[in-house]
C-alpha atoms as a PDB file:
ATOM      1  CA  UNK A   1       0.000   0.000   0.000  1.00  0.00           C
ATOM      2  CA  UNK A   2       1.441   3.347  -1.122  1.00  0.00           C
ATOM      3  CA  UNK A   3       1.804   6.149   1.407  1.00  0.00           C
ATOM      4  CA  UNK A   4      -0.516   9.161   0.868  1.00  0.00           C
ATOM      5  CA  UNK A   5       1.242  12.407  -0.049  1.00  0.00           C
ATOM      6  CA  UNK A   6       0.416  15.379   2.217  1.00  0.00           C
ATOM      7  CA  UNK A   7      -1.090  17.427  -0.665  1.00  0.00           C
ATOM      8  CA  UNK A   8      -2.789  19.988   1.531  1.00  0.00           C
ATOM      9  CA  UNK A   9       0.351  20.731   3.523  1.00  0.00           C
ATOM     10  CA  UNK A  10       2.406  20.910   0.353  1.00  0.00           C
ATOM     11  CA  UNK A  11      -0.098  23.342  -1.195  1.00  0.00           C
ATOM     12  CA  UNK A  12       0.005  25.605   1.877  1.00  0.00           C
ATOM     13  CA  UNK A  13       3.799  25.621   1.762  1.00  0.00           C
ATOM     14  CA  UNK A  14       3.762  26.627  -1.919  1.00  0.00           C
ATOM     15  CA  UNK A  15       1.367  29.501  -1.222  1.00  0.00           C
ATOM     16  CA  UNK A  16       3.409  30.735   1.726  1.00  0.00           C
ATOM     17  CA  UNK A  17       6.583  30.515  -0.345  1.00  0.00           C
ATOM     18  CA  UNK A  18       4.961  32.542  -3.130  1.00  0.00           C
ATOM     19  CA  UNK A  19       3.836  35.244  -0.690  1.00  0.00           C
ATOM     20  CA  UNK A  20       7.278  35.408   0.871  1.00  0.00           C
ATOM     21  CA  UNK A  21       9.024  35.722  -2.480  1.00  0.00           C
ATOM     22  CA  UNK A  22       6.506  38.305  -3.758  1.00  0.00           C
ATOM     23  CA  UNK A  23       6.539  40.503  -0.656  1.00  0.00           C
ATOM     24  CA  UNK A  24      10.115  40.216   0.571  1.00  0.00           C
ATOM     25  CA  UNK A  25      12.330  39.267  -2.360  1.00  0.00           C
ATOM     26  CA  UNK A  26      10.866  39.897  -5.816  1.00  0.00           C
ATOM     27  CA  UNK A  27       8.539  42.823  -5.042  1.00  0.00           C
ATOM     28  CA  UNK A  28       6.006  41.355  -7.418  1.00  0.00           C
ATOM     29  CA  UNK A  29       2.396  42.328  -8.255  1.00  0.00           C
ATOM     30  CA  UNK A  30       1.030  41.582  -4.792  1.00  0.00           C
ATOM     31  CA  UNK A  31       3.643  43.822  -3.189  1.00  0.00           C
ATOM     32  CA  UNK A  32       2.838  46.590  -5.661  1.00  0.00           C
ATOM     33  CA  UNK A  33      -0.934  46.254  -5.092  1.00  0.00           C
ATOM     34  CA  UNK A  34      -0.525  46.562  -1.322  1.00  0.00           C
ATOM     35  CA  UNK A  35       1.775  49.551  -1.722  1.00  0.00           C
ATOM     36  CA  UNK A  36      -0.775  51.274  -3.955  1.00  0.00           C
ATOM     37  CA  UNK A  37      -3.494  50.813  -1.348  1.00  0.00           C
ATOM     38  CA  UNK A  38      -1.533  52.670   1.325  1.00  0.00           C
ATOM     39  CA  UNK A  39      -0.330  56.254   1.596  1.00  0.00           C
ATOM     40  CA  UNK A  40       3.098  56.660   0.091  1.00  0.00           C
ATOM     41  CA  UNK A  41       5.589  56.202   2.906  1.00  0.00           C
ATOM     42  CA  UNK A  42       7.602  59.261   1.931  1.00  0.00           C
ATOM     43  CA  UNK A  43       4.570  61.543   2.213  1.00  0.00           C
ATOM     44  CA  UNK A  44       4.796  62.641   5.799  1.00  0.00           C
ATOM     45  CA  UNK A  45       2.354  65.117   7.218  1.00  0.00           C
ATOM     46  CA  UNK A  46       5.148  67.676   7.339  1.00  0.00           C
ATOM     47  CA  UNK A  47       5.739  67.265   3.617  1.00  0.00           C
ATOM     48  CA  UNK A  48       1.994  67.483   2.948  1.00  0.00           C
ATOM     49  CA  UNK A  49       1.842  70.740   4.898  1.00  0.00           C
ATOM     50  CA  UNK A  50       4.852  72.127   3.023  1.00  0.00           C
ATOM     51  CA  UNK A  51       3.223  71.294  -0.319  1.00  0.00           C
ATOM     52  CA  UNK A  52      -0.156  72.697   0.693  1.00  0.00           C
ATOM     53  CA  UNK A  53      -1.969  69.368   0.468  1.00  0.00           C
ATOM     54  CA  UNK A  54      -5.207  68.853   2.366  1.00  0.00           C
ATOM     55  CA  UNK A  55      -5.890  65.366   1.036  1.00  0.00           C
ATOM     56  CA  UNK A  56      -4.581  62.534  -1.117  1.00  0.00           C
ATOM     57  CA  UNK A  57      -7.021  60.619  -3.284  1.00  0.00           C
ATOM     58  CA  UNK A  58      -5.391  57.492  -4.719  1.00  0.00           C
ATOM     59  CA  UNK A  59      -2.085  59.349  -4.442  1.00  0.00           C
ATOM     60  CA  UNK A  60      -3.478  62.423  -6.234  1.00  0.00           C
ATOM     61  CA  UNK A  61      -3.220  65.552  -4.059  1.00  0.00           C
ATOM     62  CA  UNK A  62      -6.018  67.987  -3.305  1.00  0.00           C
ATOM     63  CA  UNK A  63      -4.400  71.317  -2.457  1.00  0.00           C
ATOM     64  CA  UNK A  64      -5.397  74.025  -0.021  1.00  0.00           C
ATOM     65  CA  UNK A  65      -5.648  76.386  -3.011  1.00  0.00           C
ATOM     66  CA  UNK A  66      -8.239  74.125  -4.656  1.00  0.00           C
ATOM     67  CA  UNK A  67     -10.161  73.970  -1.394  1.00  0.00           C
ATOM     68  CA  UNK A  68     -10.044  77.759  -0.932  1.00  0.00           C
ATOM     69  CA  UNK A  69     -11.364  78.334  -4.451  1.00  0.00           C
ATOM     70  CA  UNK A  70     -14.165  75.825  -3.931  1.00  0.00           C
ATOM     71  CA  UNK A  71     -15.141  77.409  -0.588  1.00  0.00           C
ATOM     72  CA  UNK A  72     -15.085  80.885  -2.157  1.00  0.00           C
ATOM     73  CA  UNK A  73     -17.354  79.666  -4.966  1.00  0.00           C
ATOM     74  CA  UNK A  74     -19.724  78.080  -2.427  1.00  0.00           C
ATOM     75  CA  UNK A  75     -19.971  81.321  -0.422  1.00  0.00           C
ATOM     76  CA  UNK A  76     -20.301  83.519  -3.521  1.00  0.00           C
ATOM     77  CA  UNK A  77     -23.276  81.504  -4.752  1.00  0.00           C
ATOM     78  CA  UNK A  78     -24.966  82.172  -1.403  1.00  0.00           C
ATOM     79  CA  UNK A  79     -24.010  85.838  -1.135  1.00  0.00           C
ATOM     80  CA  UNK A  80     -21.779  85.247   1.903  1.00  0.00           C
ATOM     81  CA  UNK A  81     -18.331  86.461   2.953  1.00  0.00           C
ATOM     82  CA  UNK A  82     -15.826  84.254   4.780  1.00  0.00           C
ATOM     83  CA  UNK A  83     -15.292  86.752   7.595  1.00  0.00           C
ATOM     84  CA  UNK A  84     -19.052  86.788   8.294  1.00  0.00           C
ATOM     85  CA  UNK A  85     -19.161  83.023   8.938  1.00  0.00           C
ATOM     86  CA  UNK A  86     -18.806  81.830  12.583  1.00  0.00           C
ATOM     87  CA  UNK A  87     -15.708  79.739  13.284  1.00  0.00           C
ATOM     88  CA  UNK A  88     -17.703  76.561  13.904  1.00  0.00           C
ATOM     89  CA  UNK A  89     -19.544  77.026  10.608  1.00  0.00           C
ATOM     90  CA  UNK A  90     -16.254  77.728   8.782  1.00  0.00           C
ATOM     91  CA  UNK A  91     -14.914  74.333   9.809  1.00  0.00           C
ATOM     92  CA  UNK A  92     -18.134  72.629   8.752  1.00  0.00           C
ATOM     93  CA  UNK A  93     -18.116  74.356   5.358  1.00  0.00           C
ATOM     94  CA  UNK A  94     -14.467  73.456   4.756  1.00  0.00           C
ATOM     95  CA  UNK A  95     -15.004  69.788   5.570  1.00  0.00           C
ATOM     96  CA  UNK A  96     -18.167  69.532   3.463  1.00  0.00           C
ATOM     97  CA  UNK A  97     -16.463  71.267   0.538  1.00  0.00           C
ATOM     98  CA  UNK A  98     -13.407  69.013   0.823  1.00  0.00           C
ATOM     99  CA  UNK A  99     -15.679  65.983   0.729  1.00  0.00           C
ATOM    100  CA  UNK A 100     -17.242  67.252  -2.517  1.00  0.00           C
ATOM    101  CA  UNK A 101     -13.770  67.859  -3.985  1.00  0.00           C
ATOM    102  CA  UNK A 102     -12.729  64.316  -3.091  1.00  0.00           C
ATOM    103  CA  UNK A 103     -15.899  62.976  -4.711  1.00  0.00           C
ATOM    104  CA  UNK A 104     -15.141  64.996  -7.854  1.00  0.00           C
ATOM    105  CA  UNK A 105     -11.618  63.576  -8.005  1.00  0.00           C
ATOM    106  CA  UNK A 106     -12.925  60.012  -7.580  1.00  0.00           C
ATOM    107  CA  UNK A 107     -15.490  60.447 -10.349  1.00  0.00           C
ATOM    108  CA  UNK A 108     -12.848  61.886 -12.656  1.00  0.00           C
ATOM    109  CA  UNK A 109     -10.370  59.120 -11.876  1.00  0.00           C
ATOM    110  CA  UNK A 110     -12.879  56.346 -12.562  1.00  0.00           C
ATOM    111  CA  UNK A 111     -14.240  58.024 -15.688  1.00  0.00           C
ATOM    112  CA  UNK A 112     -10.728  58.529 -17.021  1.00  0.00           C
ATOM    113  CA  UNK A 113      -9.881  54.968 -16.012  1.00  0.00           C
ATOM    114  CA  UNK A 114     -12.746  53.759 -18.198  1.00  0.00           C
ATOM    115  CA  UNK A 115     -11.422  56.015 -20.969  1.00  0.00           C
ATOM    116  CA  UNK A 116     -14.955  57.366 -21.288  1.00  0.00           C
ATOM    117  CA  UNK A 117     -15.791  60.330 -23.479  1.00  0.00           C
ATOM    118  CA  UNK A 118     -19.279  61.651 -24.093  1.00  0.00           C
ATOM    119  CA  UNK A 119     -20.564  61.817 -27.694  1.00  0.00           C
ATOM    120  CA  UNK A 120     -19.171  64.738 -29.693  1.00  0.00           C
ATOM    121  CA  UNK A 121     -22.632  66.234 -30.292  1.00  0.00           C
ATOM    122  CA  UNK A 122     -23.343  66.339 -26.549  1.00  0.00           C
ATOM    123  CA  UNK A 123     -19.979  67.931 -25.815  1.00  0.00           C
ATOM    124  CA  UNK A 124     -20.504  70.562 -28.517  1.00  0.00           C
ATOM    125  CA  UNK A 125     -23.945  71.383 -27.118  1.00  0.00           C
ATOM    126  CA  UNK A 126     -22.561  71.683 -23.574  1.00  0.00           C
ATOM    127  CA  UNK A 127     -19.719  73.959 -24.685  1.00  0.00           C
ATOM    128  CA  UNK A 128     -22.128  76.175 -26.632  1.00  0.00           C
ATOM    129  CA  UNK A 129     -24.465  76.451 -23.637  1.00  0.00           C
ATOM    130  CA  UNK A 130     -21.559  77.229 -21.295  1.00  0.00           C
ATOM    131  CA  UNK A 131     -20.155  79.896 -23.581  1.00  0.00           C
ATOM    132  CA  UNK A 132     -23.583  81.515 -24.028  1.00  0.00           C
ATOM    133  CA  UNK A 133     -23.475  82.773 -20.427  1.00  0.00           C
ATOM    134  CA  UNK A 134     -20.914  85.410 -21.430  1.00  0.00           C
ATOM    135  CA  UNK A 135     -22.280  88.711 -22.752  1.00  0.00           C
ATOM    136  CA  UNK A 136     -19.792  88.831 -25.643  1.00  0.00           C
ATOM    137  CA  UNK A 137     -17.062  86.738 -27.300  1.00  0.00           C
ATOM    138  CA  UNK A 138     -14.492  89.207 -25.979  1.00  0.00           C
ATOM    139  CA  UNK A 139     -15.567  88.678 -22.357  1.00  0.00           C
ATOM    140  CA  UNK A 140     -15.180  84.922 -22.883  1.00  0.00           C
ATOM    141  CA  UNK A 141     -11.699  85.452 -24.312  1.00  0.00           C
ATOM    142  CA  UNK A 142     -10.769  87.721 -21.411  1.00  0.00           C
ATOM    143  CA  UNK A 143     -11.933  85.170 -18.833  1.00  0.00           C
ATOM    144  CA  UNK A 144      -9.957  82.401 -20.528  1.00  0.00           C
ATOM    145  CA  UNK A 145      -6.854  84.596 -20.679  1.00  0.00           C
ATOM    146  CA  UNK A 146      -7.172  85.358 -16.953  1.00  0.00           C
ATOM    147  CA  UNK A 147      -7.057  81.610 -16.327  1.00  0.00           C
ATOM    148  CA  UNK A 148      -4.190  81.074 -18.798  1.00  0.00           C
ATOM    149  CA  UNK A 149      -6.354  78.890 -21.011  1.00  0.00           C
ATOM    150  CA  UNK A 150      -6.266  78.802 -24.782  1.00  0.00           C
ATOM    151  CA  UNK A 151      -9.487  78.152 -26.688  1.00  0.00           C
ATOM    152  CA  UNK A 152      -8.379  74.575 -27.320  1.00  0.00           C
ATOM    153  CA  UNK A 153      -7.495  74.002 -23.650  1.00  0.00           C
ATOM    154  CA  UNK A 154     -10.792  75.523 -22.499  1.00  0.00           C
ATOM    155  CA  UNK A 155     -12.822  73.310 -24.788  1.00  0.00           C
ATOM    156  CA  UNK A 156     -10.845  70.238 -23.749  1.00  0.00           C
ATOM    157  CA  UNK A 157     -11.507  71.043 -20.083  1.00  0.00           C
ATOM    158  CA  UNK A 158     -15.232  71.500 -20.727  1.00  0.00           C
ATOM    159  CA  UNK A 159     -15.305  68.235 -22.684  1.00  0.00           C
ATOM    160  CA  UNK A 160     -13.808  66.430 -19.680  1.00  0.00           C
ATOM    161  CA  UNK A 161     -16.319  68.023 -17.282  1.00  0.00           C
ATOM    162  CA  UNK A 162     -19.268  66.951 -19.420  1.00  0.00           C
ATOM    163  CA  UNK A 163     -17.833  63.474 -19.983  1.00  0.00           C
ATOM    164  CA  UNK A 164     -17.402  62.970 -16.235  1.00  0.00           C
ATOM    165  CA  UNK A 165     -20.999  64.084 -15.662  1.00  0.00           C
ATOM    166  CA  UNK A 166     -22.308  61.694 -18.313  1.00  0.00           C
ATOM    167  CA  UNK A 167     -20.160  58.838 -16.956  1.00  0.00           C
ATOM    168  CA  UNK A 168     -21.779  59.306 -13.559  1.00  0.00           C
ATOM    169  CA  UNK A 169     -25.283  59.531 -15.052  1.00  0.00           C
ATOM    170  CA  UNK A 170     -24.789  56.284 -16.961  1.00  0.00           C
ATOM    171  CA  UNK A 171     -23.631  54.507 -13.797  1.00  0.00           C
ATOM    172  CA  UNK A 172     -26.673  55.573 -11.785  1.00  0.00           C
ATOM    173  CA  UNK A 173     -29.287  55.335 -14.551  1.00  0.00           C
ATOM    174  CA  UNK A 174     -30.202  51.663 -13.852  1.00  0.00           C
ATOM    175  CA  UNK A 175     -31.172  52.638 -10.303  1.00  0.00           C
ATOM    176  CA  UNK A 176     -33.460  55.491 -11.352  1.00  0.00           C
ATOM    177  CA  UNK A 177     -37.145  55.042 -12.098  1.00  0.00           C
ATOM    178  CA  UNK A 178     -40.368  56.591 -10.825  1.00  0.00           C
ATOM    179  CA  UNK A 179     -43.645  54.863 -11.629  1.00  0.00           C
ATOM    180  CA  UNK A 180     -47.100  56.438 -11.768  1.00  0.00           C
ATOM    181  CA  UNK A 181     -48.048  54.435  -8.679  1.00  0.00           C
ATOM    182  CA  UNK A 182     -45.096  55.850  -6.730  1.00  0.00           C
ATOM    183  CA  UNK A 183     -46.216  59.372  -7.610  1.00  0.00           C
ATOM    184  CA  UNK A 184     -49.810  58.615  -6.675  1.00  0.00           C
ATOM    185  CA  UNK A 185     -48.796  57.016  -3.358  1.00  0.00           C
ATOM    186  CA  UNK A 186     -46.635  60.019  -2.436  1.00  0.00           C
ATOM    187  CA  UNK A 187     -49.521  62.358  -3.247  1.00  0.00           C
ATOM    188  CA  UNK A 188     -52.034  60.392  -1.171  1.00  0.00           C
ATOM    189  CA  UNK A 189     -49.761  60.271   1.879  1.00  0.00           C
ATOM    190  CA  UNK A 190     -48.900  63.948   1.769  1.00  0.00           C
ATOM    191  CA  UNK A 191     -52.345  65.280   0.965  1.00  0.00           C
ATOM    192  CA  UNK A 192     -53.689  63.295   3.932  1.00  0.00           C
ATOM    193  CA  UNK A 193     -51.001  64.848   6.130  1.00  0.00           C
ATOM    194  CA  UNK A 194     -52.001  68.353   5.023  1.00  0.00           C
ATOM    195  CA  UNK A 195     -48.698  69.001   3.253  1.00  0.00           C
ATOM    196  CA  UNK A 196     -50.263  69.954  -0.090  1.00  0.00           C
ATOM    197  CA  UNK A 197     -52.557  72.772   0.950  1.00  0.00           C
ATOM    198  CA  UNK A 198     -52.925  75.618  -1.538  1.00  0.00           C
ATOM    199  CA  UNK A 199     -53.421  78.993   0.178  1.00  0.00           C
ATOM    200  CA  UNK A 200     -56.246  81.343  -0.702  1.00  0.00           C
ATOM    201  CA  UNK A 201     -55.389  83.068  -3.978  1.00  0.00           C
ATOM    202  CA  UNK A 202     -56.691  85.796  -6.267  1.00  0.00           C
ATOM    203  CA  UNK A 203     -55.908  86.482  -9.913  1.00  0.00           C
ATOM    204  CA  UNK A 204     -55.547  90.236 -10.284  1.00  0.00           C
ATOM    205  CA  UNK A 205     -54.676  92.948 -12.750  1.00  0.00           C
ATOM    206  CA  UNK A 206     -53.947  96.528 -11.770  1.00  0.00           C
ATOM    207  CA  UNK A 207     -53.077 100.003 -12.970  1.00  0.00           C
ATOM    208  CA  UNK A 208     -50.416 101.768 -10.932  1.00  0.00           C
ATOM    209  CA  UNK A 209     -49.008 105.288 -10.441  1.00  0.00           C
ATOM    210  CA  UNK A 210     -45.901 105.610  -8.285  1.00  0.00           C
ATOM    211  CA  UNK A 211     -45.550 108.183  -5.491  1.00  0.00           C
ATOM    212  CA  UNK A 212     -41.894 107.379  -4.829  1.00  0.00           C
ATOM    213  CA  UNK A 213     -40.735 110.420  -6.809  1.00  0.00           C
ATOM    214  CA  UNK A 214     -44.034 112.064  -7.708  1.00  0.00           C
ATOM    215  CA  UNK A 215     -46.720 114.119  -5.964  1.00  0.00           C
ATOM    216  CA  UNK A 216     -49.352 111.911  -4.326  1.00  0.00           C
ATOM    217  CA  UNK A 217     -52.331 114.094  -5.294  1.00  0.00           C
ATOM    218  CA  UNK A 218     -51.234 114.215  -8.919  1.00  0.00           C
ATOM    219  CA  UNK A 219     -50.839 110.455  -9.056  1.00  0.00           C
ATOM    220  CA  UNK A 220     -54.209 109.897  -7.414  1.00  0.00           C
ATOM    221  CA  UNK A 221     -55.881 112.052 -10.069  1.00  0.00           C
ATOM    222  CA  UNK A 222     -54.123 110.019 -12.747  1.00  0.00           C
ATOM    223  CA  UNK A 223     -55.540 106.774 -11.319  1.00  0.00           C
ATOM    224  CA  UNK A 224     -59.035 108.302 -10.925  1.00  0.00           C
ATOM    225  CA  UNK A 225     -59.026 109.270 -14.610  1.00  0.00           C
ATOM    226  CA  UNK A 226     -57.898 105.759 -15.539  1.00  0.00           C
ATOM    227  CA  UNK A 227     -60.763 104.277 -13.508  1.00  0.00           C
ATOM    228  CA  UNK A 228     -63.309 106.521 -15.249  1.00  0.00           C
ATOM    229  CA  UNK A 229     -61.972 105.388 -18.631  1.00  0.00           C
ATOM    230  CA  UNK A 230     -62.438 101.729 -17.684  1.00  0.00           C
ATOM    231  CA  UNK A 231     -65.959 102.389 -16.351  1.00  0.00           C
ATOM    232  CA  UNK A 232     -66.784 104.210 -19.599  1.00  0.00           C
ATOM    233  CA  UNK A 233     -66.057 101.045 -21.543  1.00  0.00           C
ATOM    234  CA  UNK A 234     -62.391 101.242 -22.514  1.00  0.00           C
ATOM    235  CA  UNK A 235     -60.700  97.878 -22.029  1.00  0.00           C
ATOM    236  CA  UNK A 236     -58.829  97.608 -18.730  1.00  0.00           C
ATOM    237  CA  UNK A 237     -55.783  96.121 -20.501  1.00  0.00           C
ATOM    238  CA  UNK A 238     -55.671  99.014 -22.977  1.00  0.00           C
ATOM    239  CA  UNK A 239     -55.745 101.629 -20.205  1.00  0.00           C
ATOM    240  CA  UNK A 240     -53.051  99.727 -18.294  1.00  0.00           C
ATOM    241  CA  UNK A 241     -50.763  99.713 -21.315  1.00  0.00           C
ATOM    242  CA  UNK A 242     -51.229 103.464 -21.734  1.00  0.00           C
ATOM    243  CA  UNK A 243     -51.270 104.642 -18.107  1.00  0.00           C
ATOM    244  CA  UNK A 244     -49.720 102.145 -15.686  1.00  0.00           C
ATOM    245  CA  UNK A 245     -46.246 102.826 -14.357  1.00  0.00           C
ATOM    246  CA  UNK A 246     -45.644  99.189 -13.430  1.00  0.00           C
ATOM    247  CA  UNK A 247     -43.128  98.348 -16.139  1.00  0.00           C
ATOM    248  CA  UNK A 248     -43.311  94.606 -15.416  1.00  0.00           C
ATOM    249  CA  UNK A 249     -47.046  94.277 -16.062  1.00  0.00           C
ATOM    250  CA  UNK A 250     -48.234  97.149 -18.236  1.00  0.00           C
ATOM    251  CA  UNK A 251     -47.421  95.409 -21.520  1.00  0.00           C
ATOM    252  CA  UNK A 252     -49.592  92.456 -20.503  1.00  0.00           C
ATOM    253  CA  UNK A 253     -52.513  94.651 -19.537  1.00  0.00           C
ATOM    254  CA  UNK A 254     -51.619  94.973 -15.868  1.00  0.00           C
ATOM    255  CA  UNK A 255     -51.907  91.213 -15.273  1.00  0.00           C
ATOM    256  CA  UNK A 256     -50.298  90.158 -11.973  1.00  0.00           C
ATOM    257  CA  UNK A 257     -51.345  86.513 -12.147  1.00  0.00           C
ATOM    258  CA  UNK A 258     -52.331  84.362  -9.187  1.00  0.00           C
ATOM    259  CA  UNK A 259     -51.313  85.859  -5.845  1.00  0.00           C
ATOM    260  CA  UNK A 260     -51.351  84.584  -2.277  1.00  0.00           C
ATOM    261  CA  UNK A 261     -51.316  86.927   0.691  1.00  0.00           C
ATOM    262  CA  UNK A 262     -47.723  85.955   1.418  1.00  0.00           C
ATOM    263  CA  UNK A 263     -46.600  87.230  -1.987  1.00  0.00           C
ATOM    264  CA  UNK A 264     -47.870  90.805  -1.802  1.00  0.00           C
ATOM    265  CA  UNK A 265     -47.663  93.685   0.694  1.00  0.00           C
ATOM    266  CA  UNK A 266     -50.414  93.792   3.302  1.00  0.00           C
ATOM    267  CA  UNK A 267     -51.787  97.154   2.158  1.00  0.00           C
ATOM    268  CA  UNK A 268     -52.353  95.706  -1.334  1.00  0.00           C
ATOM    269  CA  UNK A 269     -53.596  92.303  -0.149  1.00  0.00           C
ATOM    270  CA  UNK A 270     -56.172  93.793   2.229  1.00  0.00           C
ATOM    271  CA  UNK A 271     -57.958  95.418  -0.707  1.00  0.00           C
ATOM    272  CA  UNK A 272     -57.829  92.741  -3.400  1.00  0.00           C
ATOM    273  CA  UNK A 273     -58.614  89.790  -1.117  1.00  0.00           C
ATOM    274  CA  UNK A 274     -61.719  91.533   0.198  1.00  0.00           C
ATOM    275  CA  UNK A 275     -63.035  92.575  -3.223  1.00  0.00           C
ATOM    276  CA  UNK A 276     -65.591  90.743  -5.347  1.00  0.00           C
ATOM    277  CA  UNK A 277     -64.369  89.378  -8.713  1.00  0.00           C
ATOM    278  CA  UNK A 278     -65.335  91.314 -11.828  1.00  0.00           C
ATOM    279  CA  UNK A 279     -65.564  94.759 -10.176  1.00  0.00           C
ATOM    280  CA  UNK A 280     -63.076  97.623 -10.363  1.00  0.00           C
ATOM    281  CA  UNK A 281     -61.803  98.848  -6.996  1.00  0.00           C
ATOM    282  CA  UNK A 282     -61.864 102.459  -5.940  1.00  0.00           C
ATOM    283  CA  UNK A 283     -58.446 104.120  -6.114  1.00  0.00           C
ATOM    284  CA  UNK A 284     -56.406 102.950  -3.124  1.00  0.00           C
ATOM    285  CA  UNK A 285     -52.987 103.875  -1.828  1.00  0.00           C
ATOM    286  CA  UNK A 286     -50.107 101.646  -0.778  1.00  0.00           C
ATOM    287  CA  UNK A 287     -46.661 102.531   0.468  1.00  0.00           C
ATOM    288  CA  UNK A 288     -45.386 102.934  -3.098  1.00  0.00           C
ATOM    289  CA  UNK A 289     -48.272 104.578  -4.938  1.00  0.00           C
ATOM    290  CA  UNK A 290     -51.893 104.590  -6.104  1.00  0.00           C
ATOM    291  CA  UNK A 291     -53.728 101.675  -7.707  1.00  0.00           C
ATOM    292  CA  UNK A 292     -56.950 100.481  -9.143  1.00  0.00           C
ATOM    293  CA  UNK A 293     -57.388  96.725  -9.449  1.00  0.00           C
ATOM    294  CA  UNK A 294     -59.728  94.137 -10.868  1.00  0.00           C
ATOM    295  CA  UNK A 295     -60.002  90.734  -9.222  1.00  0.00           C
ATOM    296  CA  UNK A 296     -60.507  88.299 -12.081  1.00  0.00           C
ATOM    297  CA  UNK A 297     -60.819  85.120  -9.987  1.00  0.00           C
ATOM    298  CA  UNK A 298     -60.864  84.239  -6.299  1.00  0.00           C
ATOM    299  CA  UNK A 299     -59.867  80.745  -5.138  1.00  0.00           C
ATOM    300  CA  UNK A 300     -60.245  79.691  -1.470  1.00  0.00           C
ATOM    301  CA  UNK A 301     -57.696  77.628   0.435  1.00  0.00           C
ATOM    302  CA  UNK A 302     -57.821  73.992  -0.648  1.00  0.00           C
ATOM    303  CA  UNK A 303     -55.825  70.824  -1.267  1.00  0.00           C
ATOM    304  CA  UNK A 304     -53.796  70.775  -4.461  1.00  0.00           C
ATOM    305  CA  UNK A 305     -55.241  68.378  -7.022  1.00  0.00           C
ATOM    306  CA  UNK A 306     -53.176  65.441  -8.219  1.00  0.00           C
ATOM    307  CA  UNK A 307     -53.035  66.881 -11.744  1.00  0.00           C
ATOM    308  CA  UNK A 308     -51.659  70.200 -10.472  1.00  0.00           C
ATOM    309  CA  UNK A 309     -48.722  68.673  -8.610  1.00  0.00           C
ATOM    310  CA  UNK A 310     -48.052  65.418 -10.486  1.00  0.00           C
ATOM    311  CA  UNK A 311     -45.133  66.786 -12.512  1.00  0.00           C
ATOM    312  CA  UNK A 312     -43.597  68.451  -9.458  1.00  0.00           C
ATOM    313  CA  UNK A 313     -43.877  65.269  -7.369  1.00  0.00           C
ATOM    314  CA  UNK A 314     -42.353  63.179 -10.165  1.00  0.00           C
ATOM    315  CA  UNK A 315     -39.416  65.585 -10.457  1.00  0.00           C
ATOM    316  CA  UNK A 316     -38.943  65.536  -6.683  1.00  0.00           C
ATOM    317  CA  UNK A 317     -38.933  61.732  -6.518  1.00  0.00           C
ATOM    318  CA  UNK A 318     -36.525  61.491  -9.452  1.00  0.00           C
ATOM    319  CA  UNK A 319     -34.148  63.989  -7.848  1.00  0.00           C
ATOM    320  CA  UNK A 320     -34.342  62.154  -4.538  1.00  0.00           C
ATOM    321  CA  UNK A 321     -33.625  58.811  -6.212  1.00  0.00           C
ATOM    322  CA  UNK A 322     -30.772  60.328  -8.188  1.00  0.00           C
ATOM    323  CA  UNK A 323     -29.170  61.806  -5.068  1.00  0.00           C
ATOM    324  CA  UNK A 324     -29.528  58.565  -3.098  1.00  0.00           C
ATOM    325  CA  UNK A 325     -28.076  56.532  -5.957  1.00  0.00           C
ATOM    326  CA  UNK A 326     -25.138  58.911  -6.400  1.00  0.00           C
ATOM    327  CA  UNK A 327     -24.477  58.783  -2.650  1.00  0.00           C
ATOM    328  CA  UNK A 328     -24.430  54.977  -2.724  1.00  0.00           C
ATOM    329  CA  UNK A 329     -22.088  54.908  -5.721  1.00  0.00           C
ATOM    330  CA  UNK A 330     -19.725  57.429  -4.154  1.00  0.00           C
ATOM    331  CA  UNK A 331     -19.792  55.436  -0.934  1.00  0.00           C
ATOM    332  CA  UNK A 332     -18.591  52.387  -2.848  1.00  0.00           C
ATOM    333  CA  UNK A 333     -15.884  54.400  -4.614  1.00  0.00           C
ATOM    334  CA  UNK A 334     -14.659  55.833  -1.316  1.00  0.00           C
ATOM    335  CA  UNK A 335     -14.615  52.384   0.284  1.00  0.00           C
ATOM    336  CA  UNK A 336     -12.116  50.987  -2.248  1.00  0.00           C
ATOM    337  CA  UNK A 337     -10.128  54.202  -2.640  1.00  0.00           C
ATOM    338  CA  UNK A 338      -6.983  55.219  -0.800  1.00  0.00           C
ATOM    339  CA  UNK A 339      -7.966  58.539   0.789  1.00  0.00           C
ATOM    340  CA  UNK A 340      -5.830  60.409   3.280  1.00  0.00           C
ATOM    341  CA  UNK A 341      -7.070  63.706   4.759  1.00  0.00           C
ATOM    342  CA  UNK A 342      -4.613  66.068   6.421  1.00  0.00           C
ATOM    343  CA  UNK A 343      -7.042  67.772   8.778  1.00  0.00           C
ATOM    344  CA  UNK A 344      -4.283  69.836  10.342  1.00  0.00           C
ATOM    345  CA  UNK A 345      -3.804  71.603   6.992  1.00  0.00           C
ATOM    346  CA  UNK A 346      -7.403  72.789   6.720  1.00  0.00           C
END
C-alpha cells in the first residue's frame, strides 16, 4: 500500500513561499498592489503641509488652493463672505467642501480609467451652452486669458467636465425610475397629512401710479381718470398699457397673475382679497403709490389636485432617487479608494 502524499500541507507551503518571495524578495504584483493601497511612505504630514496638500485621493493631491477656491465659490453663490461666517460654521463648510472635492476627483479618476468620453454632439452642445453665459465673445476670451487657457485648452476642459458628468449619469441610470403608482402614493400620503394645501389666492390685474418720486395728489388724479376710462367702456388692458407705471405688467394689460397673501404687501392684499371678482376697486394707496385693481378670480384655500402637482412630485422623486443613488455609488468608490485627509492643513 502506497503512502498518501500530504497534498494539503504541500499546497500551503507553496502559497506561503509565493507570498514570501513576492513581498520580501521579488517585489512582485502583490507587493505593488498593497503599496498602492496605502499612503506613500515618503509623504509625511510635514511634507503634505509644506506642499499645501489637504488630502490625497489614490495618491493624487487635493491642495489648499483648490479647497479655498471651492469654498469661495460656495460662499459667492450664497451671497456670503468668509469673515461673516462663525468659526464653527467655517470648519463645517471646509469639511463639506473638501468631501465634494474628493468625490469629484474620484469620479474623474474612474471616468478617465474607463477612458470614457461623451458623444461629440453632446460635448458641442454643452460647450455652446456654457459659452452663451458670457455677454460677448471678448468677455469669454478675457476670462480664458485670466485663467491662462487657450481656446483649445478651455474646450478640452469642458469636454472632460461633461464626460465625467455623463459617466456618472450612466452609472446611476439603472437605479433610477419613478412609476405612476409611486407618484400617486406620495400624493395620497402627503395630501392626507395636510402638506399639499394651496393657500387662498386671487388672480388680479392693476393700474399703478408711483408716489416714490411724484406728488401723491397728482398720481391719485391720474388713477381716478384711468378708472373713469375703464368704467366708460375702454378695455382695462388698454388703459393699463397706456397709463400704468408698473413696467413689469403694463405690456400684458396689468396682469399680476395668481397671488397669495404671502406674496404681496399687506396694504395691497387687504384690498384685493376683500373685493368681489369682476368689479373695479376704488383708487387705493399703498406705500409705493396709487392703484386700481380688478379681481378676475378668487380661489379659497384647498388641497392641491393630483393633476396640479403630479409633474412636481415626479421631479422631486426622481431627484431624490438620483441623489440617493449617487451617494451609494460614491460610498462604494470611497470604500475601495486610498484617501488620506490632512485635517491639520485645513
